[in-house]
């Protein structure tokens, strides 16, 4: 697996864990939820950028 794959998987897992904890276990504050989702999206974007740079 490439580095970009690991970054993308980390972003997806962070989003999934954040969503599951918020909905199933304990509701989070809106600020914490937004921050964690934003971090997971940044990881996905960084993974895509790294992947594109490797294809050139």
PDB file of N, CA and C in Angstrom:
ATOM      1  N   UNK A   1       0.839  -1.184   0.000  1.00  0.00           N
ATOM      2  CA  UNK A   1       0.000   0.000   0.000  1.00  0.00           C
ATOM      3  C   UNK A   1       0.883   1.246   0.000  1.00  0.00           C
ATOM      4  N   UNK A   2       0.349   2.280  -0.599  1.00  0.00           N
ATOM      5  CA  UNK A   2       1.080   3.534  -0.682  1.00  0.00           C
ATOM      6  C   UNK A   2       0.766   4.409   0.529  1.00  0.00           C
ATOM      7  N   UNK A   3       1.599   5.411   0.709  1.00  0.00           N
ATOM      8  CA  UNK A   3       1.410   6.352   1.816  1.00  0.00           C
ATOM      9  C   UNK A   3       0.056   7.051   1.699  1.00  0.00           C
ATOM     10  N   UNK A   4      -0.340   7.403   0.486  1.00  0.00           N
ATOM     11  CA  UNK A   4      -1.613   8.097   0.291  1.00  0.00           C
ATOM     12  C   UNK A   4      -2.795   7.208   0.673  1.00  0.00           C
ATOM     13  N   UNK A   5      -2.653   5.901   0.469  1.00  0.00           N
ATOM     14  CA  UNK A   5      -3.720   4.977   0.863  1.00  0.00           C
ATOM     15  C   UNK A   5      -3.899   4.970   2.378  1.00  0.00           C
ATOM     16  N   UNK A   6      -2.784   4.960   3.103  1.00  0.00           N
ATOM     17  CA  UNK A   6      -2.863   4.973   4.564  1.00  0.00           C
ATOM     18  C   UNK A   6      -3.475   6.273   5.079  1.00  0.00           C
ATOM     19  N   UNK A   7      -3.126   7.394   4.439  1.00  0.00           N
ATOM     20  CA  UNK A   7      -3.689   8.683   4.851  1.00  0.00           C
ATOM     21  C   UNK A   7      -5.193   8.690   4.611  1.00  0.00           C
ATOM     22  N   UNK A   8      -5.628   8.182   3.462  1.00  0.00           N
ATOM     23  CA  UNK A   8      -7.059   8.136   3.151  1.00  0.00           C
ATOM     24  C   UNK A   8      -7.804   7.207   4.104  1.00  0.00           C
ATOM     25  N   UNK A   9      -7.221   6.067   4.405  1.00  0.00           N
ATOM     26  CA  UNK A   9      -7.855   5.128   5.340  1.00  0.00           C
ATOM     27  C   UNK A   9      -7.970   5.753   6.724  1.00  0.00           C
ATOM     28  N   UNK A  10      -6.941   6.483   7.149  1.00  0.00           N
ATOM     29  CA  UNK A  10      -6.991   7.157   8.450  1.00  0.00           C
ATOM     30  C   UNK A  10      -8.120   8.183   8.488  1.00  0.00           C
ATOM     31  N   UNK A  11      -8.304   8.921   7.398  1.00  0.00           N
ATOM     32  CA  UNK A  11      -9.386   9.902   7.336  1.00  0.00           C
ATOM     33  C   UNK A  11     -10.756   9.249   7.401  1.00  0.00           C
ATOM     34  N   UNK A  12     -10.929   8.161   6.676  1.00  0.00           N
ATOM     35  CA  UNK A  12     -12.212   7.451   6.678  1.00  0.00           C
ATOM     36  C   UNK A  12     -12.498   6.860   8.053  1.00  0.00           C
ATOM     37  N   UNK A  13     -11.485   6.256   8.666  1.00  0.00           N
ATOM     38  CA  UNK A  13     -11.680   5.673   9.998  1.00  0.00           C
ATOM     39  C   UNK A  13     -11.986   6.737  11.044  1.00  0.00           C
ATOM     40  N   UNK A  14     -11.296   7.876  10.966  1.00  0.00           N
ATOM     41  CA  UNK A  14     -11.573   8.955  11.915  1.00  0.00           C
ATOM     42  C   UNK A  14     -13.009   9.434  11.770  1.00  0.00           C
ATOM     43  N   UNK A  15     -13.469   9.591  10.532  1.00  0.00           N
ATOM     44  CA  UNK A  15     -14.851  10.017  10.318  1.00  0.00           C
ATOM     45  C   UNK A  15     -15.834   8.970  10.840  1.00  0.00           C
ATOM     46  N   UNK A  16     -15.571   7.700  10.551  1.00  0.00           N
ATOM     47  CA  UNK A  16     -16.479   6.637  10.985  1.00  0.00           C
ATOM     48  C   UNK A  16     -16.554   6.546  12.508  1.00  0.00           C
ATOM     49  N   UNK A  17     -15.412   6.632  13.169  1.00  0.00           N
ATOM     50  CA  UNK A  17     -15.400   6.569  14.635  1.00  0.00           C
ATOM     51  C   UNK A  17     -16.101   7.782  15.225  1.00  0.00           C
ATOM     52  N   UNK A  18     -15.842   8.956  14.671  1.00  0.00           N
ATOM     53  CA  UNK A  18     -16.493  10.177  15.156  1.00  0.00           C
ATOM     54  C   UNK A  18     -18.000  10.068  15.016  1.00  0.00           C
ATOM     55  N   UNK A  19     -18.461   9.623  13.861  1.00  0.00           N
ATOM     56  CA  UNK A  19     -19.898   9.496  13.621  1.00  0.00           C
ATOM     57  C   UNK A  19     -20.522   8.466  14.558  1.00  0.00           C
ATOM     58  N   UNK A  20     -19.859   7.319  14.711  1.00  0.00           N
ATOM     59  CA  UNK A  20     -20.407   6.257  15.561  1.00  0.00           C
ATOM     60  C   UNK A  20     -20.476   6.685  17.019  1.00  0.00           C
ATOM     61  N   UNK A  21     -19.429   7.311  17.508  1.00  0.00           N
ATOM     62  CA  UNK A  21     -19.431   7.755  18.906  1.00  0.00           C
ATOM     63  C   UNK A  21     -20.512   8.801  19.118  1.00  0.00           C
ATOM     64  N   UNK A  22     -20.631   9.737  18.179  1.00  0.00           N
ATOM     65  CA  UNK A  22     -21.624  10.802  18.329  1.00  0.00           C
ATOM     66  C   UNK A  22     -23.043  10.259  18.301  1.00  0.00           C
ATOM     67  N   UNK A  23     -23.322   9.348  17.403  1.00  0.00           N
ATOM     68  CA  UNK A  23     -24.695   8.864  17.241  1.00  0.00           C
ATOM     69  C   UNK A  23     -25.060   7.726  18.194  1.00  0.00           C
ATOM     70  N   UNK A  24     -24.124   6.827  18.454  1.00  0.00           N
ATOM     71  CA  UNK A  24     -24.472   5.607  19.180  1.00  0.00           C
ATOM     72  C   UNK A  24     -24.101   5.626  20.660  1.00  0.00           C
ATOM     73  N   UNK A  25     -23.010   6.258  21.012  1.00  0.00           N
ATOM     74  CA  UNK A  25     -22.532   6.161  22.386  1.00  0.00           C
ATOM     75  C   UNK A  25     -22.867   7.407  23.193  1.00  0.00           C
ATOM     76  N   UNK A  26     -22.326   8.538  22.782  1.00  0.00           N
ATOM     77  CA  UNK A  26     -22.524   9.765  23.552  1.00  0.00           C
ATOM     78  C   UNK A  26     -22.489  10.954  22.605  1.00  0.00           C
ATOM     79  N   UNK A  27     -23.528  11.765  22.602  1.00  0.00           N
ATOM     80  CA  UNK A  27     -23.505  12.947  21.733  1.00  0.00           C
ATOM     81  C   UNK A  27     -22.357  13.887  22.105  1.00  0.00           C
ATOM     82  N   UNK A  28     -21.636  14.341  21.092  1.00  0.00           N
ATOM     83  CA  UNK A  28     -20.525  15.269  21.301  1.00  0.00           C
ATOM     84  C   UNK A  28     -21.024  16.697  21.181  1.00  0.00           C
ATOM     85  N   UNK A  29     -20.213  17.615  21.671  1.00  0.00           N
ATOM     86  CA  UNK A  29     -20.541  19.017  21.441  1.00  0.00           C
ATOM     87  C   UNK A  29     -20.392  19.294  19.944  1.00  0.00           C
ATOM     88  N   UNK A  30     -21.122  20.260  19.477  1.00  0.00           N
ATOM     89  CA  UNK A  30     -21.102  20.571  18.048  1.00  0.00           C
ATOM     90  C   UNK A  30     -19.704  20.982  17.593  1.00  0.00           C
ATOM     91  N   UNK A  31     -19.004  21.722  18.426  1.00  0.00           N
ATOM     92  CA  UNK A  31     -17.665  22.183  18.058  1.00  0.00           C
ATOM     93  C   UNK A  31     -16.706  21.015  17.881  1.00  0.00           C
ATOM     94  N   UNK A  32     -16.703  20.091  18.824  1.00  0.00           N
ATOM     95  CA  UNK A  32     -15.817  18.934  18.740  1.00  0.00           C
ATOM     96  C   UNK A  32     -16.147  18.090  17.516  1.00  0.00           C
ATOM     97  N   UNK A  33     -17.420  17.890  17.256  1.00  0.00           N
ATOM     98  CA  UNK A  33     -17.846  17.100  16.102  1.00  0.00           C
ATOM     99  C   UNK A  33     -17.362  17.739  14.800  1.00  0.00           C
ATOM    100  N   UNK A  34     -17.549  19.038  14.674  1.00  0.00           N
ATOM    101  CA  UNK A  34     -17.136  19.745  13.459  1.00  0.00           C
ATOM    102  C   UNK A  34     -15.624  19.680  13.283  1.00  0.00           C
ATOM    103  N   UNK A  35     -14.882  19.847  14.375  1.00  0.00           N
ATOM    104  CA  UNK A  35     -13.419  19.801  14.297  1.00  0.00           C
ATOM    105  C   UNK A  35     -12.952  18.417  13.858  1.00  0.00           C
ATOM    106  N   UNK A  36     -13.504  17.362  14.441  1.00  0.00           N
ATOM    107  CA  UNK A  36     -13.079  16.010  14.082  1.00  0.00           C
ATOM    108  C   UNK A  36     -13.441  15.662  12.639  1.00  0.00           C
ATOM    109  N   UNK A  37     -14.615  16.071  12.198  1.00  0.00           N
ATOM    110  CA  UNK A  37     -15.003  15.826  10.804  1.00  0.00           C
ATOM    111  C   UNK A  37     -14.102  16.626   9.861  1.00  0.00           C
ATOM    112  N   UNK A  38     -13.784  17.854  10.230  1.00  0.00           N
ATOM    113  CA  UNK A  38     -12.897  18.668   9.397  1.00  0.00           C
ATOM    114  C   UNK A  38     -11.508  18.034   9.293  1.00  0.00           C
ATOM    115  N   UNK A  39     -10.997  17.519  10.397  1.00  0.00           N
ATOM    116  CA  UNK A  39      -9.685  16.861  10.372  1.00  0.00           C
ATOM    117  C   UNK A  39      -9.727  15.633   9.467  1.00  0.00           C
ATOM    118  N   UNK A  40     -10.806  14.859   9.543  1.00  0.00           N
ATOM    119  CA  UNK A  40     -10.895  13.673   8.685  1.00  0.00           C
ATOM    120  C   UNK A  40     -10.970  14.067   7.211  1.00  0.00           C
ATOM    121  N   UNK A  41     -11.666  15.154   6.893  1.00  0.00           N
ATOM    122  CA  UNK A  41     -11.736  15.607   5.503  1.00  0.00           C
ATOM    123  C   UNK A  41     -10.375  16.113   5.024  1.00  0.00           C
ATOM    124  N   UNK A  42      -9.637  16.788   5.899  1.00  0.00           N
ATOM    125  CA  UNK A  42      -8.293  17.250   5.536  1.00  0.00           C
ATOM    126  C   UNK A  42      -7.395  16.051   5.235  1.00  0.00           C
ATOM    127  N   UNK A  43      -7.510  14.992   6.030  1.00  0.00           N
ATOM    128  CA  UNK A  43      -6.719  13.788   5.765  1.00  0.00           C
ATOM    129  C   UNK A  43      -7.056  13.194   4.405  1.00  0.00           C
ATOM    130  N   UNK A  44      -8.337  13.177   4.057  1.00  0.00           N
ATOM    131  CA  UNK A  44      -8.729  12.651   2.742  1.00  0.00           C
ATOM    132  C   UNK A  44      -8.176  13.514   1.612  1.00  0.00           C
ATOM    133  N   UNK A  45      -8.230  14.823   1.780  1.00  0.00           N
ATOM    134  CA  UNK A  45      -7.719  15.728   0.749  1.00  0.00           C
ATOM    135  C   UNK A  45      -6.206  15.586   0.609  1.00  0.00           C
ATOM    136  N   UNK A  46      -5.504  15.517   1.736  1.00  0.00           N
ATOM    137  CA  UNK A  46      -4.046  15.347   1.691  1.00  0.00           C
ATOM    138  C   UNK A  46      -3.690  14.019   1.023  1.00  0.00           C
ATOM    139  N   UNK A  47      -4.447  12.985   1.328  1.00  0.00           N
ATOM    140  CA  UNK A  47      -4.213  11.694   0.680  1.00  0.00           C
ATOM    141  C   UNK A  47      -4.387  11.774  -0.825  1.00  0.00           C
ATOM    142  N   UNK A  48      -5.392  12.513  -1.267  1.00  0.00           N
ATOM    143  CA  UNK A  48      -5.621  12.673  -2.709  1.00  0.00           C
ATOM    144  C   UNK A  48      -4.495  13.472  -3.358  1.00  0.00           C
ATOM    145  N   UNK A  49      -4.015  14.502  -2.675  1.00  0.00           N
ATOM    146  CA  UNK A  49      -2.920  15.313  -3.217  1.00  0.00           C
ATOM    147  C   UNK A  49      -1.647  14.481  -3.329  1.00  0.00           C
ATOM    148  N   UNK A  50      -1.345  13.719  -2.291  1.00  0.00           N
ATOM    149  CA  UNK A  50      -0.153  12.866  -2.323  1.00  0.00           C
ATOM    150  C   UNK A  50      -0.276  11.839  -3.438  1.00  0.00           C
ATOM    151  N   UNK A  51      -1.466  11.293  -3.621  1.00  0.00           N
ATOM    152  CA  UNK A  51      -1.688  10.305  -4.674  1.00  0.00           C
ATOM    153  C   UNK A  51      -1.478  10.915  -6.057  1.00  0.00           C
ATOM    154  N   UNK A  52      -1.961  12.123  -6.262  1.00  0.00           N
ATOM    155  CA  UNK A  52      -1.787  12.787  -7.565  1.00  0.00           C
ATOM    156  C   UNK A  52      -0.330  13.098  -7.838  1.00  0.00           C
ATOM    157  N   UNK A  53       0.402  13.500  -6.808  1.00  0.00           N
ATOM    158  CA  UNK A  53       1.824  13.810  -7.004  1.00  0.00           C
ATOM    159  C   UNK A  53       2.609  12.555  -7.364  1.00  0.00           C
ATOM    160  N   UNK A  54       2.183  11.405  -6.861  1.00  0.00           N
ATOM    161  CA  UNK A  54       2.876  10.159  -7.169  1.00  0.00           C
ATOM    162  C   UNK A  54       2.601   9.685  -8.593  1.00  0.00           C
ATOM    163  N   UNK A  55       1.510  10.143  -9.205  1.00  0.00           N
ATOM    164  CA  UNK A  55       1.161   9.701 -10.556  1.00  0.00           C
ATOM    165  C   UNK A  55       1.881  10.495 -11.636  1.00  0.00           C
ATOM    166  N   UNK A  56       2.524  11.579 -11.279  1.00  0.00           N
ATOM    167  CA  UNK A  56       3.201  12.422 -12.285  1.00  0.00           C
ATOM    168  C   UNK A  56       4.547  11.908 -12.628  1.00  0.00           C
TER     169      UNK A  56
END
